[in-house]
PDB file of all heavy atoms in Angstrom:
ATOM      1  N   LYS A   1       3.389  -8.322 -11.116  1.00  0.00           N
ATOM      2  CA  LYS A   1       2.352  -7.330 -10.834  1.00  0.00           C
ATOM      3  C   LYS A   1       2.888  -6.175  -9.983  1.00  0.00           C
ATOM      4  O   LYS A   1       2.157  -5.554  -9.210  1.00  0.00           O
ATOM      5  CB  LYS A   1       1.168  -8.007 -10.127  1.00  0.00           C
ATOM      6  CG  LYS A   1       0.505  -9.100 -10.951  1.00  0.00           C
ATOM      7  CD  LYS A   1      -0.038  -8.546 -12.270  1.00  0.00           C
ATOM      8  CE  LYS A   1      -0.660  -9.615 -13.137  1.00  0.00           C
ATOM      9  NZ  LYS A   1      -1.079  -9.077 -14.456  1.00  0.00           N
ATOM     10  N   ALA A   2       4.154  -5.844 -10.168  1.00  0.00           N
ATOM     11  CA  ALA A   2       4.782  -4.793  -9.366  1.00  0.00           C
ATOM     12  C   ALA A   2       4.073  -3.452  -9.512  1.00  0.00           C
ATOM     13  O   ALA A   2       3.900  -2.715  -8.531  1.00  0.00           O
ATOM     14  CB  ALA A   2       6.257  -4.660  -9.744  1.00  0.00           C
ATOM     15  N   GLU A   3       3.647  -3.108 -10.726  1.00  0.00           N
ATOM     16  CA  GLU A   3       2.986  -1.823 -10.937  1.00  0.00           C
ATOM     17  C   GLU A   3       1.637  -1.768 -10.227  1.00  0.00           C
ATOM     18  O   GLU A   3       1.289  -0.753  -9.607  1.00  0.00           O
ATOM     19  CB  GLU A   3       2.809  -1.556 -12.433  1.00  0.00           C
ATOM     20  CG  GLU A   3       4.108  -1.282 -13.159  1.00  0.00           C
ATOM     21  CD  GLU A   3       3.879  -0.896 -14.606  1.00  0.00           C
ATOM     22  OE1 GLU A   3       2.706  -0.687 -14.993  1.00  0.00           O
ATOM     23  OE2 GLU A   3       4.872  -0.797 -15.354  1.00  0.00           O
ATOM     24  N   GLU A   4       0.870  -2.866 -10.329  1.00  0.00           N
ATOM     25  CA  GLU A   4      -0.428  -2.903  -9.652  1.00  0.00           C
ATOM     26  C   GLU A   4      -0.258  -2.833  -8.131  1.00  0.00           C
ATOM     27  O   GLU A   4      -1.039  -2.178  -7.434  1.00  0.00           O
ATOM     28  CB  GLU A   4      -1.191  -4.169 -10.030  1.00  0.00           C
ATOM     29  CG  GLU A   4      -1.741  -4.190 -11.433  1.00  0.00           C
ATOM     30  CD  GLU A   4      -0.707  -4.609 -12.479  1.00  0.00           C
ATOM     31  OE1 GLU A   4       0.470  -4.868 -12.099  1.00  0.00           O
ATOM     32  OE2 GLU A   4      -1.075  -4.661 -13.669  1.00  0.00           O
ATOM     33  N   ILE A   5       0.774  -3.506  -7.622  1.00  0.00           N
ATOM     34  CA  ILE A   5       1.048  -3.479  -6.186  1.00  0.00           C
ATOM     35  C   ILE A   5       1.408  -2.061  -5.745  1.00  0.00           C
ATOM     36  O   ILE A   5       0.936  -1.571  -4.707  1.00  0.00           O
ATOM     37  CB  ILE A   5       2.178  -4.480  -5.853  1.00  0.00           C
ATOM     38  CG1 ILE A   5       1.657  -5.917  -6.028  1.00  0.00           C
ATOM     39  CG2 ILE A   5       2.712  -4.257  -4.438  1.00  0.00           C
ATOM     40  CD1 ILE A   5       2.735  -6.969  -5.990  1.00  0.00           C
ATOM     41  N   GLU A   6       2.225  -1.383  -6.543  1.00  0.00           N
ATOM     42  CA  GLU A   6       2.607  -0.004  -6.223  1.00  0.00           C
ATOM     43  C   GLU A   6       1.393   0.924  -6.213  1.00  0.00           C
ATOM     44  O   GLU A   6       1.248   1.773  -5.326  1.00  0.00           O
ATOM     45  CB  GLU A   6       3.649   0.488  -7.223  1.00  0.00           C
ATOM     46  CG  GLU A   6       4.176   1.876  -6.926  1.00  0.00           C
ATOM     47  CD  GLU A   6       5.250   2.323  -7.895  1.00  0.00           C
ATOM     48  OE1 GLU A   6       5.639   1.523  -8.778  1.00  0.00           O
ATOM     49  OE2 GLU A   6       5.698   3.480  -7.784  1.00  0.00           O
ATOM     50  N   ARG A   7       0.502   0.746  -7.206  1.00  0.00           N
ATOM     51  CA  ARG A   7      -0.699   1.584  -7.261  1.00  0.00           C
ATOM     52  C   ARG A   7      -1.602   1.323  -6.063  1.00  0.00           C
ATOM     53  O   ARG A   7      -2.199   2.250  -5.494  1.00  0.00           O
ATOM     54  CB  ARG A   7      -1.470   1.333  -8.564  1.00  0.00           C
ATOM     55  CG  ARG A   7      -0.863   2.020  -9.773  1.00  0.00           C
ATOM     56  CD  ARG A   7      -1.850   2.064 -10.919  1.00  0.00           C
ATOM     57  NE  ARG A   7      -2.111   0.745 -11.461  1.00  0.00           N
ATOM     58  CZ  ARG A   7      -1.421   0.207 -12.461  1.00  0.00           C
ATOM     59  NH1 ARG A   7      -0.433   0.881 -13.028  1.00  0.00           N
ATOM     60  NH2 ARG A   7      -1.727  -0.988 -12.917  1.00  0.00           N
ATOM     61  N   ASN A   8      -1.709   0.066  -5.674  1.00  0.00           N
ATOM     62  CA  ASN A   8      -2.551  -0.267  -4.524  1.00  0.00           C
ATOM     63  C   ASN A   8      -1.972   0.319  -3.242  1.00  0.00           C
ATOM     64  O   ASN A   8      -2.709   0.850  -2.397  1.00  0.00           O
ATOM     65  CB  ASN A   8      -2.693  -1.783  -4.408  1.00  0.00           C
ATOM     66  CG  ASN A   8      -3.928  -2.199  -3.637  1.00  0.00           C
ATOM     67  OD1 ASN A   8      -5.033  -1.774  -3.944  1.00  0.00           O
ATOM     68  ND2 ASN A   8      -3.734  -3.032  -2.624  1.00  0.00           N
ATOM     69  N   ASP A   9      -0.658   0.250  -3.083  1.00  0.00           N
ATOM     70  CA  ASP A   9      -0.017   0.839  -1.915  1.00  0.00           C
ATOM     71  C   ASP A   9      -0.255   2.350  -1.863  1.00  0.00           C
ATOM     72  O   ASP A   9      -0.454   2.924  -0.784  1.00  0.00           O
ATOM     73  CB  ASP A   9       1.484   0.563  -1.931  1.00  0.00           C
ATOM     74  CG  ASP A   9       1.828  -0.849  -1.482  1.00  0.00           C
ATOM     75  OD1 ASP A   9       0.951  -1.530  -0.908  1.00  0.00           O
ATOM     76  OD2 ASP A   9       2.978  -1.268  -1.692  1.00  0.00           O
ATOM     77  N   ALA A  10      -0.229   2.995  -3.035  1.00  0.00           N
ATOM     78  CA  ALA A  10      -0.455   4.437  -3.081  1.00  0.00           C
ATOM     79  C   ALA A  10      -1.863   4.789  -2.604  1.00  0.00           C
ATOM     80  O   ALA A  10      -2.070   5.804  -1.929  1.00  0.00           O
ATOM     81  CB  ALA A  10      -0.223   4.967  -4.496  1.00  0.00           C
ATOM     82  N   PHE A  11      -2.835   3.941  -2.942  1.00  0.00           N
ATOM     83  CA  PHE A  11      -4.222   4.191  -2.533  1.00  0.00           C
ATOM     84  C   PHE A  11      -4.368   4.114  -1.014  1.00  0.00           C
ATOM     85  O   PHE A  11      -5.126   4.874  -0.415  1.00  0.00           O
ATOM     86  CB  PHE A  11      -5.139   3.169  -3.213  1.00  0.00           C
ATOM     87  CG  PHE A  11      -6.596   3.401  -2.957  1.00  0.00           C
ATOM     88  CD1 PHE A  11      -7.296   4.364  -3.665  1.00  0.00           C
ATOM     89  CD2 PHE A  11      -7.282   2.661  -2.007  1.00  0.00           C
ATOM     90  CE1 PHE A  11      -8.641   4.597  -3.428  1.00  0.00           C
ATOM     91  CE2 PHE A  11      -8.625   2.876  -1.759  1.00  0.00           C
ATOM     92  CZ  PHE A  11      -9.308   3.852  -2.477  1.00  0.00           C
ATOM     93  N   PHE A  12      -3.635   3.197  -0.384  1.00  0.00           N
ATOM     94  CA  PHE A  12      -3.721   3.002   1.068  1.00  0.00           C
ATOM     95  C   PHE A  12      -2.513   3.618   1.787  1.00  0.00           C
ATOM     96  O   PHE A  12      -2.189   3.216   2.909  1.00  0.00           O
ATOM     97  CB  PHE A  12      -3.793   1.507   1.393  1.00  0.00           C
ATOM     98  CG  PHE A  12      -5.063   0.836   0.963  1.00  0.00           C
ATOM     99  CD1 PHE A  12      -5.094   0.064  -0.197  1.00  0.00           C
ATOM    100  CD2 PHE A  12      -6.224   0.965   1.692  1.00  0.00           C
ATOM    101  CE1 PHE A  12      -6.262  -0.565  -0.602  1.00  0.00           C
ATOM    102  CE2 PHE A  12      -7.398   0.337   1.298  1.00  0.00           C
ATOM    103  CZ  PHE A  12      -7.421  -0.429   0.143  1.00  0.00           C
ATOM    104  N   GLU A  13      -1.876   4.589   1.157  1.00  0.00           N
ATOM    105  CA  GLU A  13      -0.596   5.110   1.638  1.00  0.00           C
ATOM    106  C   GLU A  13      -0.617   5.534   3.100  1.00  0.00           C
ATOM    107  O   GLU A  13       0.266   5.162   3.893  1.00  0.00           O
ATOM    108  CB  GLU A  13      -0.167   6.290   0.763  1.00  0.00           C
ATOM    109  CG  GLU A  13       1.177   6.887   1.155  1.00  0.00           C
ATOM    110  CD  GLU A  13       1.593   8.021   0.242  1.00  0.00           C
ATOM    111  OE1 GLU A  13       0.768   8.444  -0.601  1.00  0.00           O
ATOM    112  OE2 GLU A  13       2.741   8.480   0.372  1.00  0.00           O
ATOM    113  N   ASP A  14      -1.593   6.310   3.493  1.00  0.00           N
ATOM    114  CA  ASP A  14      -1.622   6.834   4.858  1.00  0.00           C
ATOM    115  C   ASP A  14      -1.757   5.724   5.891  1.00  0.00           C
ATOM    116  O   ASP A  14      -1.067   5.725   6.925  1.00  0.00           O
ATOM    117  CB  ASP A  14      -2.765   7.838   5.024  1.00  0.00           C
ATOM    118  CG  ASP A  14      -2.534   9.120   4.246  1.00  0.00           C
ATOM    119  OD1 ASP A  14      -1.368   9.382   3.874  1.00  0.00           O
ATOM    120  OD2 ASP A  14      -3.519   9.847   3.991  1.00  0.00           O
ATOM    121  N   GLN A  15      -2.651   4.759   5.619  1.00  0.00           N
ATOM    122  CA  GLN A  15      -2.866   3.663   6.574  1.00  0.00           C
ATOM    123  C   GLN A  15      -1.649   2.747   6.650  1.00  0.00           C
ATOM    124  O   GLN A  15      -1.345   2.190   7.707  1.00  0.00           O
ATOM    125  CB  GLN A  15      -4.106   2.859   6.194  1.00  0.00           C
ATOM    126  CG  GLN A  15      -5.403   3.653   6.251  1.00  0.00           C
ATOM    127  CD  GLN A  15      -5.825   4.136   4.888  1.00  0.00           C
ATOM    128  OE1 GLN A  15      -5.015   4.680   4.128  1.00  0.00           O
ATOM    129  NE2 GLN A  15      -7.100   3.943   4.564  1.00  0.00           N
ATOM    130  N   ILE A  16      -0.971   2.561   5.525  1.00  0.00           N
ATOM    131  CA  ILE A  16       0.241   1.741   5.533  1.00  0.00           C
ATOM    132  C   ILE A  16       1.337   2.445   6.332  1.00  0.00           C
ATOM    133  O   ILE A  16       2.041   1.821   7.141  1.00  0.00           O
ATOM    134  CB  ILE A  16       0.707   1.443   4.091  1.00  0.00           C
ATOM    135  CG1 ILE A  16      -0.294   0.500   3.399  1.00  0.00           C
ATOM    136  CG2 ILE A  16       2.104   0.812   4.090  1.00  0.00           C
ATOM    137  CD1 ILE A  16      -0.052   0.321   1.918  1.00  0.00           C
ATOM    138  N   LYS A  17       1.464   3.748   6.138  1.00  0.00           N
ATOM    139  CA  LYS A  17       2.498   4.507   6.840  1.00  0.00           C
ATOM    140  C   LYS A  17       2.294   4.515   8.341  1.00  0.00           C
ATOM    141  O   LYS A  17       3.259   4.444   9.121  1.00  0.00           O
ATOM    142  CB  LYS A  17       2.544   5.945   6.313  1.00  0.00           C
ATOM    143  CG  LYS A  17       3.277   6.096   4.984  1.00  0.00           C
ATOM    144  CD  LYS A  17       3.366   7.560   4.585  1.00  0.00           C
ATOM    145  CE  LYS A  17       4.161   7.728   3.300  1.00  0.00           C
ATOM    146  NZ  LYS A  17       4.241   9.161   2.889  1.00  0.00           N
ATOM    147  N   ASP A  18       1.029   4.607   8.780  1.00  0.00           N
ATOM    148  CA  ASP A  18       0.805   4.663  10.236  1.00  0.00           C
ATOM    149  C   ASP A  18       0.697   3.271  10.871  1.00  0.00           C
ATOM    150  O   ASP A  18       0.466   3.140  12.070  1.00  0.00           O
ATOM    151  CB  ASP A  18      -0.421   5.506  10.574  1.00  0.00           C
ATOM    152  CG  ASP A  18      -1.748   4.890  10.121  1.00  0.00           C
ATOM    153  OD1 ASP A  18      -1.813   3.680   9.858  1.00  0.00           O
ATOM    154  OD2 ASP A  18      -2.754   5.645  10.021  1.00  0.00           O
ATOM    155  N   GLY A  19       0.865   2.235  10.040  1.00  0.00           N
ATOM    156  CA  GLY A  19       0.900   0.879  10.570  1.00  0.00           C
ATOM    157  C   GLY A  19      -0.450   0.229  10.787  1.00  0.00           C
ATOM    158  O   GLY A  19      -0.524  -0.902  11.291  1.00  0.00           O
ATOM    159  N   SER A  20      -1.528   0.917  10.394  1.00  0.00           N
ATOM    160  CA  SER A  20      -2.856   0.335  10.601  1.00  0.00           C
ATOM    161  C   SER A  20      -3.204  -0.701   9.534  1.00  0.00           C
ATOM    162  O   SER A  20      -4.156  -1.471   9.706  1.00  0.00           O
ATOM    163  CB  SER A  20      -3.925   1.433  10.649  1.00  0.00           C
ATOM    164  OG  SER A  20      -3.940   2.185   9.448  1.00  0.00           O
ATOM    165  N   LEU A  21      -2.450  -0.707   8.433  1.00  0.00           N
ATOM    166  CA  LEU A  21      -2.634  -1.716   7.386  1.00  0.00           C
ATOM    167  C   LEU A  21      -1.274  -2.247   6.953  1.00  0.00           C
ATOM    168  O   LEU A  21      -0.284  -1.503   6.922  1.00  0.00           O
ATOM    169  CB  LEU A  21      -3.326  -1.113   6.155  1.00  0.00           C
ATOM    170  CG  LEU A  21      -4.803  -0.765   6.232  1.00  0.00           C
ATOM    171  CD1 LEU A  21      -5.264  -0.191   4.892  1.00  0.00           C
ATOM    172  CD2 LEU A  21      -5.647  -1.968   6.609  1.00  0.00           C
ATOM    173  N   PRO A  22      -1.211  -3.525   6.574  1.00  0.00           N
ATOM    174  CA  PRO A  22       0.001  -4.025   5.931  1.00  0.00           C
ATOM    175  C   PRO A  22       0.073  -3.493   4.508  1.00  0.00           C
ATOM    176  O   PRO A  22      -0.949  -3.081   3.945  1.00  0.00           O
ATOM    177  CB  PRO A  22      -0.208  -5.542   5.938  1.00  0.00           C
ATOM    178  CG  PRO A  22      -1.695  -5.713   5.870  1.00  0.00           C
ATOM    179  CD  PRO A  22      -2.257  -4.559   6.673  1.00  0.00           C
ATOM    180  N   ASP A  23       1.272  -3.465   3.936  1.00  0.00           N
ATOM    181  CA  ASP A  23       1.332  -3.095   2.529  1.00  0.00           C
ATOM    182  C   ASP A  23       0.833  -4.262   1.683  1.00  0.00           C
ATOM    183  O   ASP A  23       0.563  -5.362   2.185  1.00  0.00           O
ATOM    184  CB  ASP A  23       2.735  -2.641   2.117  1.00  0.00           C
ATOM    185  CG  ASP A  23       3.795  -3.715   2.301  1.00  0.00           C
ATOM    186  OD1 ASP A  23       3.480  -4.921   2.245  1.00  0.00           O
ATOM    187  OD2 ASP A  23       4.971  -3.344   2.498  1.00  0.00           O
ATOM    188  N   THR A  24       0.676  -4.025   0.390  1.00  0.00           N
ATOM    189  CA  THR A  24       0.041  -5.023  -0.482  1.00  0.00           C
ATOM    190  C   THR A  24       0.875  -6.292  -0.600  1.00  0.00           C
ATOM    191  O   THR A  24       0.331  -7.399  -0.613  1.00  0.00           O
ATOM    192  CB  THR A  24      -0.212  -4.421  -1.871  1.00  0.00           C
ATOM    193  OG1 THR A  24      -0.954  -3.210  -1.731  1.00  0.00           O
ATOM    194  CG2 THR A  24      -0.996  -5.388  -2.749  1.00  0.00           C
ATOM    195  N   ALA A  25       2.208  -6.143  -0.674  1.00  0.00           N
ATOM    196  CA  ALA A  25       3.070  -7.325  -0.768  1.00  0.00           C
ATOM    197  C   ALA A  25       2.937  -8.183   0.484  1.00  0.00           C
ATOM    198  O   ALA A  25       2.882  -9.424   0.403  1.00  0.00           O
ATOM    199  CB  ALA A  25       4.519  -6.901  -0.981  1.00  0.00           C
TER     200      ALA A  25
END
């Protein structure tokens, strides 16, 4: 499910980058 994981990370990109959310993996 690498593609779905990548798409999900893109949706939460800002929060993942600032550390407020873990990435999908």
